Protein backbone atom coordinates (compact mmCIF):
# COMPACT_ATOMS: atom_id res chain seq x y z
CA SER A 1 14.14 -23.71 23.41
CA VAL A 2 12.37 -24.13 20.05
CA THR A 3 10.29 -21.19 18.83
CA LEU A 4 6.86 -22.29 17.58
CA THR A 5 6.12 -20.20 14.50
CA GLY A 6 2.81 -21.50 13.14
CA ALA A 7 0.14 -23.95 14.16
CA PHE A 8 -2.78 -26.10 13.00
CA PRO A 9 -5.24 -27.37 15.65
CA SER A 10 -6.71 -30.30 13.74
CA GLY A 11 -9.19 -31.62 16.25
CA GLN A 12 -7.02 -34.73 16.53
CA GLY A 13 -3.98 -32.87 17.82
CA TYR A 14 -2.12 -29.57 17.75
CA TYR A 15 0.54 -29.36 15.03
CA ALA A 16 3.18 -26.62 15.32
CA SER A 17 6.02 -25.63 13.00
CA GLY A 18 9.36 -24.84 14.65
CA ASP A 19 12.36 -22.69 13.90
CA ASP A 20 14.51 -25.83 14.10
CA GLY A 21 13.00 -27.20 10.88
CA GLU A 22 10.70 -29.63 12.64
CA VAL A 23 6.92 -30.03 13.02
CA TYR A 24 5.71 -31.04 16.47
CA LEU A 25 2.48 -32.79 17.45
CA ARG A 26 0.83 -32.10 20.80
CA ALA A 27 -1.51 -34.97 21.66
CA GLU A 28 -2.43 -36.91 24.79
CA GLY A 29 -0.48 -34.48 26.96
CA ALA A 30 2.87 -34.81 25.19
CA TRP A 31 4.87 -33.21 22.38
CA THR A 32 6.27 -35.46 19.63
CA PRO A 33 8.57 -34.44 16.74
CA MET A 34 7.16 -35.75 13.45
CA GLY A 35 10.45 -36.48 11.70
CA LEU A 36 10.54 -33.70 9.08
CA ASP A 37 13.88 -32.39 10.40
CA GLN A 38 14.70 -29.76 7.76
CA ASP A 39 17.87 -27.68 7.87
CA ALA A 40 15.89 -24.46 7.31
CA ASP A 41 13.67 -22.72 9.84
CA LEU A 42 9.97 -23.39 9.32
CA ASN A 43 7.80 -20.27 9.52
CA ASP A 44 4.22 -21.46 9.11
CA ILE A 45 1.99 -24.49 8.69
CA TRP A 46 -1.39 -24.90 6.99
CA GLY A 47 -3.68 -27.83 7.54
CA LYS A 48 -7.08 -29.33 6.88
CA ASN A 49 -8.80 -32.28 8.53
CA SER A 50 -11.48 -33.77 6.29
CA GLY A 51 -13.15 -36.88 7.62
CA GLY A 52 -10.08 -37.76 9.64
CA ILE A 53 -7.80 -37.40 6.62
CA LEU A 54 -5.09 -34.83 7.31
CA GLN A 55 -3.48 -32.55 4.76
CA MET A 56 -0.69 -30.22 5.89
CA VAL A 57 1.87 -27.97 4.23
CA ALA A 58 4.77 -26.22 5.98
CA VAL A 59 6.91 -23.41 4.54
CA GLY A 60 10.18 -21.89 5.65
CA ASP A 61 13.46 -20.20 4.92
CA GLY A 62 15.15 -20.59 1.56
CA GLY A 63 11.86 -21.42 -0.13
CA THR A 64 11.48 -24.63 1.88
CA VAL A 65 8.14 -26.40 1.34
CA ALA A 66 7.09 -29.69 2.94
CA ARG A 67 3.85 -31.62 2.54
CA PHE A 68 2.08 -34.18 4.74
CA SER A 69 -0.35 -36.91 3.75
CA ASP A 70 0.63 -40.09 5.58
CA ALA A 71 4.06 -38.71 6.47
CA TRP A 72 6.05 -35.52 5.97
CA VAL A 73 7.87 -35.22 2.65
CA ALA A 74 10.03 -32.24 1.74
CA ASP A 75 9.13 -30.82 -1.68
CA GLU A 76 11.87 -29.38 -3.85
CA ALA A 77 12.71 -25.96 -2.41
CA LEU A 78 11.31 -23.05 -4.40
CA GLY A 79 14.81 -21.60 -4.62
CA THR A 80 13.75 -18.20 -3.43
CA ALA A 81 13.93 -16.05 -0.34
CA ASN A 82 12.19 -16.98 2.89
CA MET A 83 8.62 -18.22 2.66
CA GLU A 84 6.81 -16.83 5.69
CA ALA A 85 3.20 -18.06 5.47
CA VAL A 86 0.79 -20.32 3.60
CA ASP A 87 -3.02 -20.47 3.50
CA GLY A 88 -5.97 -21.65 1.43
CA SER A 89 -9.34 -23.34 1.66
CA GLY A 90 -7.97 -26.69 0.52
CA GLY A 91 -4.85 -28.44 -0.62
CA ASP A 92 -5.43 -27.52 -4.26
CA ASP A 93 -5.68 -23.71 -3.91
CA LEU A 94 -2.86 -22.77 -1.54
CA VAL A 95 -1.05 -19.43 -1.61
CA ALA A 96 2.44 -19.15 -0.09
CA VAL A 97 4.08 -15.78 0.53
CA GLY A 98 7.35 -14.43 1.84
CA TRP A 99 10.22 -12.12 1.13
CA GLY A 100 10.43 -13.72 -2.29
CA GLY A 101 6.91 -12.68 -3.30
CA ALA A 102 3.96 -15.02 -3.76
CA TYR A 103 3.42 -18.53 -5.13
CA ILE A 104 0.15 -20.27 -6.01
CA TRP A 105 -0.35 -24.04 -6.04
CA VAL A 106 -1.82 -24.82 -9.47
CA ASP A 107 -1.96 -28.20 -11.24
CA ASN A 108 0.26 -29.84 -8.62
CA ALA A 109 3.02 -27.25 -8.97
CA TRP A 110 3.97 -23.93 -7.40
CA GLN A 111 3.65 -21.01 -9.79
CA PHE A 112 5.45 -17.73 -9.06
CA VAL A 113 3.37 -14.54 -9.15
CA SER A 114 5.22 -11.46 -10.34
CA LEU A 115 4.04 -8.45 -8.32
CA PRO A 116 5.06 -4.80 -8.76
CA GLY A 117 7.64 -3.51 -6.31
CA ASN A 118 8.71 -7.00 -5.17
CA PRO A 119 6.83 -6.71 -1.86
CA ARG A 120 8.09 -8.66 1.15
CA PHE A 121 5.18 -10.44 2.78
CA ASN A 122 4.91 -11.73 6.35
CA ASP A 123 1.48 -13.37 6.36
CA VAL A 124 -1.41 -14.36 4.12
CA TRP A 125 -5.11 -15.17 4.43
CA SER A 126 -6.87 -16.97 1.58
CA ASN A 127 -10.22 -18.68 1.09
CA GLY A 128 -9.32 -19.84 -2.41
CA ALA A 129 -11.25 -17.20 -4.34
CA ASN A 130 -9.83 -14.26 -2.39
CA THR A 131 -6.40 -13.60 -0.91
CA VAL A 132 -4.92 -10.86 1.27
CA ALA A 133 -1.18 -10.72 1.99
CA VAL A 134 0.50 -8.18 4.29
CA GLY A 135 4.11 -7.35 4.94
CA GLU A 136 7.00 -4.95 5.19
CA GLU A 137 6.72 -1.21 4.56
CA GLY A 138 2.95 -1.46 4.76
CA ALA A 139 2.65 -3.70 1.71
CA ILE A 140 -0.84 -5.13 1.20
CA ALA A 141 -1.76 -7.32 -1.76
CA ILE A 142 -5.37 -8.22 -2.52
CA ARG A 143 -6.18 -10.98 -5.00
CA SER A 144 -9.63 -11.60 -6.43
CA GLY A 145 -9.73 -14.34 -9.03
CA ASP A 146 -6.50 -14.01 -10.99
CA ALA A 147 -6.08 -10.25 -10.49
CA TRP A 148 -3.72 -8.84 -7.84
CA ASP A 149 -3.64 -5.29 -6.50
CA VAL A 150 -0.60 -4.20 -4.46
CA SER A 151 -0.53 -0.99 -2.41
CA ALA A 152 0.52 0.54 0.90
CA PRO A 153 -2.68 2.37 1.84
CA LEU A 154 -1.64 3.07 5.43
CA GLY A 155 1.93 4.20 4.86
CA LEU A 156 5.02 2.30 5.94
CA LEU A 157 3.55 0.45 8.92
CA GLN A 158 5.10 -3.00 9.32
CA LEU A 159 2.32 -5.61 9.16
CA TYR A 160 2.94 -9.08 10.57
CA GLY A 161 -0.38 -10.94 10.64
CA VAL A 162 -3.71 -11.08 8.78
CA SER A 163 -7.01 -12.93 9.21
CA ALA A 164 -10.55 -12.56 7.87
CA THR A 165 -14.06 -13.93 7.79
CA GLY A 166 -14.26 -12.92 4.12
CA PRO A 167 -13.05 -10.29 1.64
CA SER A 168 -15.15 -7.57 3.33
CA ASP A 169 -13.99 -8.26 6.89
CA VAL A 170 -10.18 -8.39 6.98
CA TRP A 171 -8.01 -7.60 10.02
CA ALA A 172 -4.23 -7.10 10.10
CA VAL A 173 -1.78 -6.36 12.91
CA GLY A 174 1.80 -5.20 13.19
CA GLU A 175 4.47 -3.16 14.88
CA GLY A 176 3.76 -0.97 17.88
CA GLY A 177 0.30 -2.43 18.45
CA THR A 178 -0.91 -1.56 14.95
CA ILE A 179 -4.39 -2.92 14.14
CA VAL A 180 -6.13 -2.22 10.82
CA HIS A 181 -9.42 -3.31 9.25
CA PHE A 182 -10.64 -3.63 5.65
CA ASP A 183 -14.37 -3.46 4.92
CA GLY A 184 -14.10 -4.48 1.29
CA SER A 185 -13.33 -1.00 -0.01
CA THR A 186 -11.29 0.95 2.57
CA TRP A 187 -8.51 0.21 5.03
CA SER A 188 -8.68 2.05 8.35
CA GLU A 189 -6.68 2.01 11.57
CA VAL A 190 -8.41 0.62 14.66
CA ALA A 191 -7.74 2.03 18.13
CA SER A 192 -5.32 -0.41 19.73
CA PRO A 193 -5.30 -1.57 23.36
CA THR A 194 -1.49 -1.95 23.42
CA ALA A 195 1.78 -0.51 22.17
CA VAL A 196 3.60 -3.85 21.93
CA SER A 197 4.12 -5.37 18.52
CA LEU A 198 1.36 -7.77 17.53
CA TRP A 199 2.42 -10.79 15.50
CA ALA A 200 -0.82 -12.61 14.77
CA VAL A 201 -4.57 -12.07 14.55
CA LEU A 202 -7.48 -14.51 14.38
CA VAL A 203 -11.01 -13.60 13.28
CA THR A 204 -13.61 -16.21 14.20
CA GLY A 205 -16.72 -14.11 13.53
CA PRO A 206 -17.95 -10.58 12.77
CA ASN A 207 -17.36 -9.51 16.36
CA ALA A 208 -14.72 -11.95 17.56
CA VAL A 209 -11.11 -10.91 16.94
CA TYR A 210 -8.10 -12.23 18.85
CA VAL A 211 -4.59 -10.71 18.76
CA VAL A 212 -1.29 -11.89 20.27
CA GLY A 213 2.14 -10.34 20.42
CA ASN A 214 5.26 -9.54 22.37
CA ASN A 215 5.71 -10.28 26.06
CA GLY A 216 2.78 -12.73 26.17
CA TYR A 217 0.22 -10.10 25.22
CA ALA A 218 -3.23 -11.32 24.13
CA ALA A 219 -6.57 -9.55 23.75
CA ARG A 220 -10.04 -10.08 22.28
CA PHE A 221 -12.34 -7.61 20.48
CA ASP A 222 -16.09 -8.19 20.81
CA GLY A 223 -17.32 -5.47 18.47
CA LEU A 224 -17.51 -2.87 21.24
CA GLY A 225 -14.05 -2.86 22.76
CA TRP A 226 -10.90 -4.78 23.63
CA THR A 227 -10.46 -7.07 26.63
CA GLU A 228 -6.97 -8.16 27.61
CA LEU A 229 -6.58 -11.91 28.12
CA PRO A 230 -3.82 -12.35 30.72
CA THR A 231 -1.54 -15.22 29.72
CA GLY A 232 0.76 -15.28 32.74
CA VAL A 233 3.81 -15.62 30.47
CA ASP A 234 6.33 -13.19 28.96
CA ASN A 235 7.07 -15.24 25.83
CA ASN A 236 6.47 -13.52 22.51
CA LEU A 237 3.42 -15.15 20.89
CA TYR A 238 3.61 -15.58 17.13
CA THR A 239 0.48 -17.51 16.19
CA VAL A 240 -3.16 -17.71 17.27
CA ASP A 241 -5.57 -20.32 15.87
CA VAL A 242 -8.92 -21.94 16.55
CA ALA A 243 -9.59 -25.69 16.78
CA PRO A 244 -12.75 -27.33 15.40
CA ASP A 245 -14.14 -27.47 18.95
CA GLY A 246 -13.77 -23.68 19.27
CA ILE A 247 -10.77 -23.68 21.62
CA ILE A 248 -8.33 -20.83 20.90
CA TRP A 249 -4.62 -21.71 20.86
CA ALA A 250 -1.57 -19.45 20.87
CA ALA A 251 2.12 -20.33 20.61
CA GLY A 252 5.47 -18.61 20.50
CA ASN A 253 9.08 -18.55 21.56
CA ARG A 254 10.76 -20.90 24.01
CA GLY A 255 8.24 -23.59 23.07
CA MET A 256 5.30 -21.82 24.67
CA ALA A 257 1.80 -23.05 23.77
CA LEU A 258 -1.40 -21.82 25.44
CA ARG A 259 -5.10 -22.65 25.36
CA LEU A 260 -7.74 -20.07 26.23
CA LYS A 261 -9.75 -21.21 29.23
CA ALA A 262 -13.45 -21.80 28.63
CA GLY A 263 -15.54 -18.77 29.50
CA ASN A 264 -12.71 -16.28 28.95
């Protein structure tokens, strides 16, 4: 019955954050709770596997932040509204966003970023040097270096997920099948293959974009057009990620987790 809200396929296992305040590990054919057991819902998880050494950070409601090295340890809550997503290239340049704005991990501490209009963010992509956050009422924030620019270039479309190969190839998805693309200078709407709300997007290359959403919907863009990827489930899918071996994973409500079959 647990909704899986975010995931990190590490190559050693599949780690998923849950709305019951727990992180679950899928390995050797079984799911195992990792003992975090927070009171607040967890909304996303970031991770990195470097030489078999795992780093992970989970964020959730009420500013909840937890960190994993050898075991999960709950950091002091940020004391703000819900934190919805976290991303970065490494454990020392993370950006966390939510309905309380944005925080940056600097010098072993979270620093609040004051942004005009107090935007409410749902997701973030960051490679350390560049960051794109998307959210409610079409809010999009782009960070390059220390400078942030906040706008709503496409109107009041609700945006739920963002992914990129770099600052000049950014994709975001949202309500009613909304799909938008940023080429480094301009945002534009992309013809969508569906009208269902899309919750997450994954970009693995210039012409490899995966989207997932309500009612088990999943599709892939190859640079020419969209191909639906039948999942056989009706669960809403909230996250889509790629493992080091190239396998695409998706997860969502009622504990659903899926792997894309080879060749599809």
